Structure formats: structure tokens, C-alpha cells
Amino acid sequence: IADRILTAVDAAGALGLVDPGRIALIGHSFGGYGVLSAVAQSDRFSAVIASNGYPDLSLSMQLPPFYRVAPEEGVPIGRMVGWGETGQASIGDFTTAPEAYVEASPLYQVEAIRTPALLIESDLDTQRMGALFSALYRRDREAGLVTYFGEGHTYASPGNLRDLHARILDWLARYLGPP
């Protein structure tokens, strides 16, 4: 994915539309996974912001938080397992090819991630970013971890949204410099 993004950046740079030396990536959900994958593949990015994505694709096997509150609703295993096996991620059956999940997961490529990373998650969605933050922190990499409480997969609280946007703008200003 990094090569595809950088091809577009270089084309836009050649037209004078962007500065190819100041590139930030931001993504939410599958986009969060995508931008983490990109920074594991290239050091050309100045900053990355990943929200509610999967740095470890095996986490798609986890039961969602609501199951622990209302198990009488049934086991919702098909929801995210389907996403990983045949849905958006389309990696295949975890039980027959777990190595494919490791190979596709940015967490297991953490040594290659040198881009400052702001990792964002919410407590009512499956929390996903802690292990990646810990791995980056242990390698003395620039990383931030924010958890929004009372939020699901998307953010709705006006206070949380204000804070989210302020943090994103601060992160971009810190690693891209003045506009």
C-alpha cells in the first residue's frame, strides 16, 4: 500500500500540489489498519494517525465488549471473524493460516515503524492499539495513545470530537511543521 500512496504523492508533488517531503496519513477503521501498514513499509511519511484500526488482525477474533454485558444475546463471533476471513480484510480462515494474519499485521512489523504514530481507540469498540503503543514505546519511537470513553466504533460526543480534532491538529503541527 505504501508504494501506491507514494506514487500518488509523487505525481501530486511533480504538479506542485503537495510537498512530497511532508506527508501525513490518517485513517479510521480499515483506513487505520491501512495507514499503519503503509508506515511499516516506508519511512517517507512524516506522521501517522490511526483510529480504531487493527494493528493485529488476529484481534478480529475477539468478542465485542457488548457480549460481556449481554451474553444472552448470543455469541456474535461471525461479525468480525467474517470481516477478517472473507470480508474487508479477506485473509482467509485463521485456524488454517494464522501466519497470514501475522504477516499482514503491522504489530508484527513494529521494528520497521519509525513514523511518529498517534493511535486512537474507543472503549465501547474492541480496544486494539495498546500492544502496538507498548511495542513502539519500548523501541523509543514517537507514539501517543488516546482512548475515548463512552464511544463505539465512531465518535459522537461533542467533547470527545473537539478533543480528537485538537489532538490530530497538534500531532500534524508537531511533525509536519508550519503549514
C-alpha atoms as a PDB file:
ATOM      1  CA  ILE A   1       0.000   0.000   0.000  1.00  0.00           C
ATOM      2  CA  ALA A   2       2.895   2.407   0.700  1.00  0.00           C
ATOM      3  CA  ASP A   3       4.094   2.218  -2.905  1.00  0.00           C
ATOM      4  CA  ARG A   4       0.616   3.047  -4.214  1.00  0.00           C
ATOM      5  CA  ILE A   5       0.243   6.001  -1.856  1.00  0.00           C
ATOM      6  CA  LEU A   6       3.707   7.312  -2.671  1.00  0.00           C
ATOM      7  CA  THR A   7       3.088   7.047  -6.419  1.00  0.00           C
ATOM      8  CA  ALA A   8       0.107   9.380  -5.982  1.00  0.00           C
ATOM      9  CA  VAL A   9       2.095  11.693  -3.678  1.00  0.00           C
ATOM     10  CA  ASP A  10       4.989  11.905  -6.143  1.00  0.00           C
ATOM     11  CA  ALA A  11       2.610  12.651  -9.031  1.00  0.00           C
ATOM     12  CA  ALA A  12       0.915  15.403  -6.998  1.00  0.00           C
ATOM     13  CA  GLY A  13       4.347  16.696  -5.952  1.00  0.00           C
ATOM     14  CA  ALA A  14       5.500  16.880  -9.579  1.00  0.00           C
ATOM     15  CA  LEU A  15       2.482  19.089 -10.287  1.00  0.00           C
ATOM     16  CA  GLY A  16       3.327  21.312  -7.314  1.00  0.00           C
ATOM     17  CA  LEU A  17       0.146  20.366  -5.473  1.00  0.00           C
ATOM     18  CA  VAL A  18       1.813  18.901  -2.372  1.00  0.00           C
ATOM     19  CA  ASP A  19       5.187  18.883  -0.685  1.00  0.00           C
ATOM     20  CA  PRO A  20       6.328  15.245  -1.046  1.00  0.00           C
ATOM     21  CA  GLY A  21       8.707  15.782   1.879  1.00  0.00           C
ATOM     22  CA  ARG A  22       5.835  16.476   4.304  1.00  0.00           C
ATOM     23  CA  ILE A  23       3.368  13.601   4.155  1.00  0.00           C
ATOM     24  CA  ALA A  24       0.956  12.606   6.898  1.00  0.00           C
ATOM     25  CA  LEU A  25      -1.501   9.739   6.786  1.00  0.00           C
ATOM     26  CA  ILE A  26      -4.749   9.477   8.720  1.00  0.00           C
ATOM     27  CA  GLY A  27      -7.208   6.614   8.710  1.00  0.00           C
ATOM     28  CA  HIS A  28     -10.121   5.223  10.682  1.00  0.00           C
ATOM     29  CA  SER A  29     -11.207   1.570  10.903  1.00  0.00           C
ATOM     30  CA  PHE A  30      -9.856  -0.264   7.835  1.00  0.00           C
ATOM     31  CA  GLY A  31      -8.166   3.030   6.938  1.00  0.00           C
ATOM     32  CA  GLY A  32      -6.430   2.939  10.342  1.00  0.00           C
ATOM     33  CA  TYR A  33      -5.111  -0.504   9.505  1.00  0.00           C
ATOM     34  CA  GLY A  34      -4.089   0.736   6.051  1.00  0.00           C
ATOM     35  CA  VAL A  35      -2.070   3.715   7.267  1.00  0.00           C
ATOM     36  CA  LEU A  36      -0.295   1.545   9.860  1.00  0.00           C
ATOM     37  CA  SER A  37       0.547  -0.928   7.105  1.00  0.00           C
ATOM     38  CA  ALA A  38       1.929   1.904   4.969  1.00  0.00           C
ATOM     39  CA  VAL A  39       4.270   3.216   7.667  1.00  0.00           C
ATOM     40  CA  ALA A  40       5.520  -0.326   8.270  1.00  0.00           C
ATOM     41  CA  GLN A  41       6.540  -0.367   4.587  1.00  0.00           C
ATOM     42  CA  SER A  42       8.127   3.084   4.166  1.00  0.00           C
ATOM     43  CA  ASP A  43       9.917   5.760   6.182  1.00  0.00           C
ATOM     44  CA  ARG A  44       8.835   8.591   3.851  1.00  0.00           C
ATOM     45  CA  PHE A  45       5.824   9.530   5.933  1.00  0.00           C
ATOM     46  CA  SER A  46       6.231  12.338   8.480  1.00  0.00           C
ATOM     47  CA  ALA A  47       3.337  11.364  10.756  1.00  0.00           C
ATOM     48  CA  VAL A  48       0.512   8.864  11.008  1.00  0.00           C
ATOM     49  CA  ILE A  49      -2.805   8.936  12.846  1.00  0.00           C
ATOM     50  CA  ALA A  50      -4.655   5.626  13.121  1.00  0.00           C
ATOM     51  CA  SER A  51      -8.075   5.375  14.713  1.00  0.00           C
ATOM     52  CA  ASN A  52      -9.936   2.167  15.625  1.00  0.00           C
ATOM     53  CA  GLY A  53      -7.979   0.046  13.164  1.00  0.00           C
ATOM     54  CA  TYR A  54      -6.420  -3.365  13.665  1.00  0.00           C
ATOM     55  CA  PRO A  55      -2.633  -3.368  14.162  1.00  0.00           C
ATOM     56  CA  ASP A  56      -3.009  -7.096  14.954  1.00  0.00           C
ATOM     57  CA  LEU A  57      -5.524  -8.728  12.641  1.00  0.00           C
ATOM     58  CA  SER A  58      -5.971 -11.708  14.947  1.00  0.00           C
ATOM     59  CA  LEU A  59      -7.911  -9.305  17.197  1.00  0.00           C
ATOM     60  CA  SER A  60     -10.761  -9.624  14.723  1.00  0.00           C
ATOM     61  CA  MET A  61     -11.430 -12.924  16.536  1.00  0.00           C
ATOM     62  CA  GLN A  62     -12.194 -11.150  19.836  1.00  0.00           C
ATOM     63  CA  LEU A  63     -15.694 -10.961  21.146  1.00  0.00           C
ATOM     64  CA  PRO A  64     -17.032  -7.400  21.184  1.00  0.00           C
ATOM     65  CA  PRO A  65     -17.482  -5.655  24.548  1.00  0.00           C
ATOM     66  CA  PHE A  66     -21.299  -5.821  24.428  1.00  0.00           C
ATOM     67  CA  TYR A  67     -21.122  -9.637  24.577  1.00  0.00           C
ATOM     68  CA  ARG A  68     -19.683  -9.424  28.073  1.00  0.00           C
ATOM     69  CA  VAL A  69     -22.600  -7.225  29.152  1.00  0.00           C
ATOM     70  CA  ALA A  70     -25.393  -9.150  27.446  1.00  0.00           C
ATOM     71  CA  PRO A  71     -24.289 -12.747  26.734  1.00  0.00           C
ATOM     72  CA  GLU A  72     -27.940 -13.773  26.496  1.00  0.00           C
ATOM     73  CA  GLU A  73     -27.964 -12.042  23.085  1.00  0.00           C
ATOM     74  CA  GLY A  74     -25.823 -14.895  21.735  1.00  0.00           C
ATOM     75  CA  VAL A  75     -22.217 -15.215  20.670  1.00  0.00           C
ATOM     76  CA  PRO A  76     -21.576 -12.649  17.883  1.00  0.00           C
ATOM     77  CA  ILE A  77     -18.482 -14.461  16.616  1.00  0.00           C
ATOM     78  CA  GLY A  78     -19.419 -14.171  12.950  1.00  0.00           C
ATOM     79  CA  ARG A  79     -19.429 -10.381  12.939  1.00  0.00           C
ATOM     80  CA  MET A  80     -15.686  -9.677  12.936  1.00  0.00           C
ATOM     81  CA  VAL A  81     -14.471 -13.168  12.047  1.00  0.00           C
ATOM     82  CA  GLY A  82     -16.291 -12.722   8.749  1.00  0.00           C
ATOM     83  CA  TRP A  83     -14.585  -9.338   8.327  1.00  0.00           C
ATOM     84  CA  GLY A  84     -11.166 -10.977   8.694  1.00  0.00           C
ATOM     85  CA  GLU A  85     -11.764 -14.162   6.766  1.00  0.00           C
ATOM     86  CA  THR A  86     -13.932 -13.203   3.789  1.00  0.00           C
ATOM     87  CA  GLY A  87     -14.873  -9.565   4.292  1.00  0.00           C
ATOM     88  CA  GLN A  88     -12.894  -6.374   4.059  1.00  0.00           C
ATOM     89  CA  ALA A  89      -9.602  -7.911   5.218  1.00  0.00           C
ATOM     90  CA  SER A  90     -10.114 -11.152   3.213  1.00  0.00           C
ATOM     91  CA  ILE A  91      -7.203 -13.006   4.775  1.00  0.00           C
ATOM     92  CA  GLY A  92      -8.813 -16.432   4.948  1.00  0.00           C
ATOM     93  CA  ASP A  93      -9.507 -18.892   7.731  1.00  0.00           C
ATOM     94  CA  PHE A  94      -7.494 -18.006  10.824  1.00  0.00           C
ATOM     95  CA  THR A  95      -7.416 -21.615  12.043  1.00  0.00           C
ATOM     96  CA  THR A  96      -5.777 -22.920   8.868  1.00  0.00           C
ATOM     97  CA  ALA A  97      -3.446 -19.988   8.134  1.00  0.00           C
ATOM     98  CA  PRO A  98      -2.631 -17.967  11.272  1.00  0.00           C
ATOM     99  CA  GLU A  99       0.691 -16.953   9.717  1.00  0.00           C
ATOM    100  CA  ALA A 100      -1.235 -14.919   7.124  1.00  0.00           C
ATOM    101  CA  TYR A 101      -2.697 -12.830   9.950  1.00  0.00           C
ATOM    102  CA  VAL A 102       0.761 -12.257  11.437  1.00  0.00           C
ATOM    103  CA  GLU A 103       2.259 -11.377   8.053  1.00  0.00           C
ATOM    104  CA  ALA A 104      -0.488  -8.826   7.346  1.00  0.00           C
ATOM    105  CA  SER A 105      -0.420  -7.228  10.827  1.00  0.00           C
ATOM    106  CA  PRO A 106       1.548  -4.001  11.405  1.00  0.00           C
ATOM    107  CA  LEU A 107       2.115  -5.018  15.040  1.00  0.00           C
ATOM    108  CA  TYR A 108       4.454  -7.807  13.928  1.00  0.00           C
ATOM    109  CA  GLN A 109       6.352  -5.366  11.704  1.00  0.00           C
ATOM    110  CA  VAL A 110       6.859  -2.851  14.511  1.00  0.00           C
ATOM    111  CA  GLU A 111      10.630  -2.778  14.068  1.00  0.00           C
ATOM    112  CA  ALA A 112      10.069  -1.151  10.663  1.00  0.00           C
ATOM    113  CA  ILE A 113       7.716   1.552  12.012  1.00  0.00           C
ATOM    114  CA  ARG A 114       9.718   4.730  12.579  1.00  0.00           C
ATOM    115  CA  THR A 115       6.998   7.264  11.754  1.00  0.00           C
ATOM    116  CA  PRO A 116       5.514   9.155  14.725  1.00  0.00           C
ATOM    117  CA  ALA A 117       2.184   7.434  15.361  1.00  0.00           C
ATOM    118  CA  LEU A 118      -0.892   8.770  17.142  1.00  0.00           C
ATOM    119  CA  LEU A 119      -3.035   5.742  17.997  1.00  0.00           C
ATOM    120  CA  ILE A 120      -6.691   6.305  18.856  1.00  0.00           C
ATOM    121  CA  GLU A 121      -9.273   3.832  20.147  1.00  0.00           C
ATOM    122  CA  SER A 122     -12.607   3.829  21.946  1.00  0.00           C
ATOM    123  CA  ASP A 123     -13.662   1.737  24.902  1.00  0.00           C
ATOM    124  CA  LEU A 124     -17.009   0.505  23.537  1.00  0.00           C
ATOM    125  CA  ASP A 125     -15.317  -0.796  20.393  1.00  0.00           C
ATOM    126  CA  THR A 126     -12.737  -3.553  20.693  1.00  0.00           C
ATOM    127  CA  GLN A 127      -9.633  -1.862  22.121  1.00  0.00           C
ATOM    128  CA  ARG A 128      -6.813  -2.590  19.721  1.00  0.00           C
ATOM    129  CA  MET A 129      -3.944  -0.137  19.989  1.00  0.00           C
ATOM    130  CA  GLY A 130      -2.354  -0.931  23.357  1.00  0.00           C
ATOM    131  CA  ALA A 131       0.061  -3.626  22.192  1.00  0.00           C
ATOM    132  CA  LEU A 132       1.301  -1.525  19.269  1.00  0.00           C
ATOM    133  CA  PHE A 133       1.751   1.511  21.511  1.00  0.00           C
ATOM    134  CA  SER A 134       3.708  -0.618  24.006  1.00  0.00           C
ATOM    135  CA  ALA A 135       5.919  -2.063  21.273  1.00  0.00           C
ATOM    136  CA  LEU A 136       6.652   1.392  19.830  1.00  0.00           C
ATOM    137  CA  TYR A 137       7.300   2.840  23.288  1.00  0.00           C
ATOM    138  CA  ARG A 138       9.752   0.035  24.128  1.00  0.00           C
ATOM    139  CA  ARG A 139      11.683   0.895  20.956  1.00  0.00           C
ATOM    140  CA  ASP A 140      11.766   4.595  21.954  1.00  0.00           C
ATOM    141  CA  ARG A 141       9.605   5.584  18.976  1.00  0.00           C
ATOM    142  CA  GLU A 142       7.364   8.625  18.983  1.00  0.00           C
ATOM    143  CA  ALA A 143       3.865   7.408  19.755  1.00  0.00           C
ATOM    144  CA  GLY A 144       0.743   8.576  21.518  1.00  0.00           C
ATOM    145  CA  LEU A 145      -2.231   6.525  22.691  1.00  0.00           C
ATOM    146  CA  VAL A 146      -5.676   8.028  23.264  1.00  0.00           C
ATOM    147  CA  THR A 147      -8.731   6.086  24.427  1.00  0.00           C
ATOM    148  CA  TYR A 148     -12.120   7.779  24.233  1.00  0.00           C
ATOM    149  CA  PHE A 149     -14.581   6.519  26.813  1.00  0.00           C
ATOM    150  CA  GLY A 150     -18.261   6.090  26.063  1.00  0.00           C
ATOM    151  CA  GLU A 151     -17.624   5.847  22.341  1.00  0.00           C
ATOM    152  CA  GLY A 152     -18.199   2.981  19.916  1.00  0.00           C
ATOM    153  CA  HIS A 153     -16.566   2.472  16.540  1.00  0.00           C
ATOM    154  CA  THR A 154     -17.288   6.061  15.549  1.00  0.00           C
ATOM    155  CA  TYR A 155     -17.126   9.093  17.801  1.00  0.00           C
ATOM    156  CA  ALA A 156     -20.259  11.064  18.697  1.00  0.00           C
ATOM    157  CA  SER A 157     -19.705  13.025  21.914  1.00  0.00           C
ATOM    158  CA  PRO A 158     -19.142  16.726  21.122  1.00  0.00           C
ATOM    159  CA  GLY A 159     -16.477  16.947  23.833  1.00  0.00           C
ATOM    160  CA  ASN A 160     -14.632  13.891  22.524  1.00  0.00           C
ATOM    161  CA  LEU A 161     -14.875  15.156  18.950  1.00  0.00           C
ATOM    162  CA  ARG A 162     -13.389  18.538  19.937  1.00  0.00           C
ATOM    163  CA  ASP A 163     -10.570  16.782  21.773  1.00  0.00           C
ATOM    164  CA  LEU A 164      -9.989  14.352  18.888  1.00  0.00           C
ATOM    165  CA  HIS A 165      -9.661  17.119  16.322  1.00  0.00           C
ATOM    166  CA  ALA A 166      -7.434  19.201  18.586  1.00  0.00           C
ATOM    167  CA  ARG A 167      -5.107  16.228  19.118  1.00  0.00           C
ATOM    168  CA  ILE A 168      -4.969  15.500  15.379  1.00  0.00           C
ATOM    169  CA  LEU A 169      -4.110  19.115  14.563  1.00  0.00           C
ATOM    170  CA  ASP A 170      -1.483  19.211  17.332  1.00  0.00           C
ATOM    171  CA  TRP A 171       0.102  15.973  16.052  1.00  0.00           C
ATOM    172  CA  LEU A 172       0.236  17.287  12.499  1.00  0.00           C
ATOM    173  CA  ALA A 173       1.705  20.628  13.600  1.00  0.00           C
ATOM    174  CA  ARG A 174       4.348  18.837  15.659  1.00  0.00           C
ATOM    175  CA  TYR A 175       5.553  16.526  12.885  1.00  0.00           C
ATOM    176  CA  LEU A 176       4.818  18.478   9.701  1.00  0.00           C
ATOM    177  CA  GLY A 177       5.783  21.920  10.945  1.00  0.00           C
ATOM    178  CA  PRO A 178       4.005  25.130   9.993  1.00  0.00           C
ATOM    179  CA  PRO A 179       1.566  24.995   7.070  1.00  0.00           C
END
